[in-house]
Amino acid sequence: MLTKILIIAGTLLVFGLLAFMMNRSINTHNSRPKGKVKKGRMKYMQESKKPGK
């Protein structure tokens, strides 16, 4: 009986920790300034810089 309680408590603790970390990650992602948007691959592709060559 004690092992079942420990397993359930451990599972709830792990899910609580994962939810906290995910919430913190989402909050830091949303608090970033919107001006710094990465250009992606087009910034480094030579075809997009010099079309026709």
N, C-alpha and C. Protein backbone atom coordinates (compact mmCIF):
# COMPACT_ATOMS: atom_id res chain seq x y z
N MET A 1 0.82 -1.20 0.00
CA MET A 1 0.00 0.00 0.00
C MET A 1 0.87 1.26 0.00
N LEU A 2 1.95 1.22 0.75
CA LEU A 2 2.84 2.37 0.81
C LEU A 2 3.52 2.62 -0.53
N THR A 3 3.84 1.54 -1.25
CA THR A 3 4.49 1.72 -2.55
C THR A 3 3.55 2.38 -3.56
N LYS A 4 2.27 2.03 -3.50
CA LYS A 4 1.31 2.66 -4.41
C LYS A 4 1.20 4.16 -4.14
N ILE A 5 1.19 4.51 -2.87
CA ILE A 5 1.10 5.93 -2.50
C ILE A 5 2.35 6.67 -2.96
N LEU A 6 3.51 6.05 -2.79
CA LEU A 6 4.76 6.68 -3.23
C LEU A 6 4.80 6.84 -4.75
N ILE A 7 4.33 5.85 -5.48
CA ILE A 7 4.32 5.94 -6.94
C ILE A 7 3.37 7.04 -7.40
N ILE A 8 2.19 7.12 -6.80
CA ILE A 8 1.23 8.15 -7.18
C ILE A 8 1.75 9.54 -6.83
N ALA A 9 2.34 9.68 -5.64
CA ALA A 9 2.88 10.97 -5.23
C ALA A 9 4.05 11.38 -6.12
N GLY A 10 4.91 10.43 -6.49
CA GLY A 10 6.03 10.73 -7.38
C GLY A 10 5.56 11.14 -8.76
N THR A 11 4.53 10.46 -9.26
CA THR A 11 3.99 10.80 -10.58
C THR A 11 3.40 12.21 -10.58
N LEU A 12 2.64 12.52 -9.54
CA LEU A 12 2.06 13.87 -9.45
C LEU A 12 3.15 14.93 -9.32
N LEU A 13 4.19 14.62 -8.57
CA LEU A 13 5.30 15.57 -8.42
C LEU A 13 6.00 15.81 -9.75
N VAL A 14 6.22 14.75 -10.51
CA VAL A 14 6.89 14.88 -11.81
C VAL A 14 6.03 15.69 -12.78
N PHE A 15 4.73 15.41 -12.83
CA PHE A 15 3.86 16.17 -13.73
C PHE A 15 3.76 17.63 -13.30
N GLY A 16 3.76 17.89 -12.00
CA GLY A 16 3.76 19.27 -11.52
C GLY A 16 5.03 20.00 -11.92
N LEU A 17 6.16 19.32 -11.82
CA LEU A 17 7.43 19.92 -12.22
C LEU A 17 7.46 20.20 -13.72
N LEU A 18 6.98 19.26 -14.52
CA LEU A 18 6.94 19.48 -15.97
C LEU A 18 6.02 20.64 -16.34
N ALA A 19 4.88 20.74 -15.67
CA ALA A 19 3.95 21.84 -15.96
C ALA A 19 4.58 23.18 -15.58
N PHE A 20 5.29 23.22 -14.46
CA PHE A 20 5.95 24.46 -14.05
C PHE A 20 7.02 24.87 -15.04
N MET A 21 7.83 23.92 -15.50
CA MET A 21 8.90 24.23 -16.44
C MET A 21 8.33 24.68 -17.79
N MET A 22 7.25 24.04 -18.24
CA MET A 22 6.64 24.43 -19.50
C MET A 22 6.02 25.83 -19.40
N ASN A 23 5.39 26.13 -18.28
CA ASN A 23 4.80 27.45 -18.07
C ASN A 23 5.89 28.52 -18.05
N ARG A 24 7.00 28.23 -17.42
CA ARG A 24 8.11 29.18 -17.37
C ARG A 24 8.70 29.41 -18.76
N SER A 25 8.80 28.33 -19.54
CA SER A 25 9.34 28.45 -20.89
C SER A 25 8.42 29.28 -21.78
N ILE A 26 7.12 29.07 -21.65
CA ILE A 26 6.16 29.83 -22.45
C ILE A 26 6.21 31.30 -22.05
N ASN A 27 6.32 31.58 -20.77
CA ASN A 27 6.37 32.98 -20.32
C ASN A 27 7.63 33.68 -20.81
N THR A 28 8.77 33.00 -20.82
CA THR A 28 9.99 33.64 -21.32
C THR A 28 9.92 33.83 -22.83
N HIS A 29 9.26 32.91 -23.52
CA HIS A 29 9.10 33.06 -24.97
C HIS A 29 8.20 34.24 -25.30
N ASN A 30 7.14 34.42 -24.54
CA ASN A 30 6.21 35.52 -24.80
C ASN A 30 6.76 36.86 -24.38
N SER A 31 7.71 36.89 -23.45
CA SER A 31 8.23 38.17 -22.98
C SER A 31 9.35 38.71 -23.86
N ARG A 32 9.79 37.94 -24.85
CA ARG A 32 10.82 38.43 -25.76
C ARG A 32 10.27 39.55 -26.63
N PRO A 33 11.10 40.52 -26.99
CA PRO A 33 10.61 41.58 -27.88
C PRO A 33 10.26 41.03 -29.26
N LYS A 34 9.21 41.58 -29.83
CA LYS A 34 8.73 41.07 -31.12
C LYS A 34 9.60 41.53 -32.28
N GLY A 35 10.45 42.51 -32.08
CA GLY A 35 11.27 43.03 -33.17
C GLY A 35 12.37 42.08 -33.59
N LYS A 36 12.79 41.22 -32.70
CA LYS A 36 13.89 40.31 -33.02
C LYS A 36 13.34 39.00 -33.56
N VAL A 37 12.89 39.02 -34.79
CA VAL A 37 12.37 37.82 -35.44
C VAL A 37 13.46 37.28 -36.34
N LYS A 38 13.74 36.00 -36.20
CA LYS A 38 14.79 35.41 -37.03
C LYS A 38 14.31 35.31 -38.47
N LYS A 39 15.23 35.54 -39.40
CA LYS A 39 14.88 35.51 -40.81
C LYS A 39 14.74 34.09 -41.33
N GLY A 40 15.44 33.16 -40.71
CA GLY A 40 15.36 31.79 -41.17
C GLY A 40 16.43 31.48 -42.19
N ARG A 41 16.15 30.52 -43.04
CA ARG A 41 17.15 30.06 -43.99
C ARG A 41 17.36 31.03 -45.13
N MET A 42 16.38 31.85 -45.44
CA MET A 42 16.50 32.76 -46.58
C MET A 42 17.63 33.77 -46.39
N LYS A 43 17.99 34.04 -45.14
CA LYS A 43 19.06 34.99 -44.87
C LYS A 43 20.39 34.46 -45.39
N TYR A 44 20.58 33.16 -45.38
CA TYR A 44 21.86 32.57 -45.72
C TYR A 44 21.90 31.97 -47.13
N MET A 45 20.77 31.89 -47.80
CA MET A 45 20.75 31.28 -49.13
C MET A 45 21.23 32.29 -50.16
N GLN A 46 22.21 31.92 -50.96
CA GLN A 46 22.76 32.83 -51.96
C GLN A 46 21.77 33.10 -53.09
N GLU A 47 20.88 32.13 -53.37
CA GLU A 47 19.92 32.33 -54.46
C GLU A 47 18.96 33.46 -54.13
N SER A 48 18.64 33.62 -52.86
CA SER A 48 17.69 34.68 -52.51
C SER A 48 18.37 36.04 -52.54
N LYS A 49 19.67 36.09 -52.33
CA LYS A 49 20.38 37.37 -52.36
C LYS A 49 20.67 37.83 -53.78
N LYS A 50 21.04 36.88 -54.65
CA LYS A 50 21.39 37.22 -56.02
C LYS A 50 20.58 36.36 -56.99
N PRO A 51 19.36 36.72 -57.26
CA PRO A 51 18.57 35.88 -58.18
C PRO A 51 19.09 35.98 -59.61
N GLY A 52 19.07 34.88 -60.30
CA GLY A 52 19.51 34.86 -61.69
C GLY A 52 20.97 34.50 -61.88
N LYS A 53 21.72 34.33 -60.83
CA LYS A 53 23.14 33.98 -60.98
C LYS A 53 23.37 32.53 -60.63
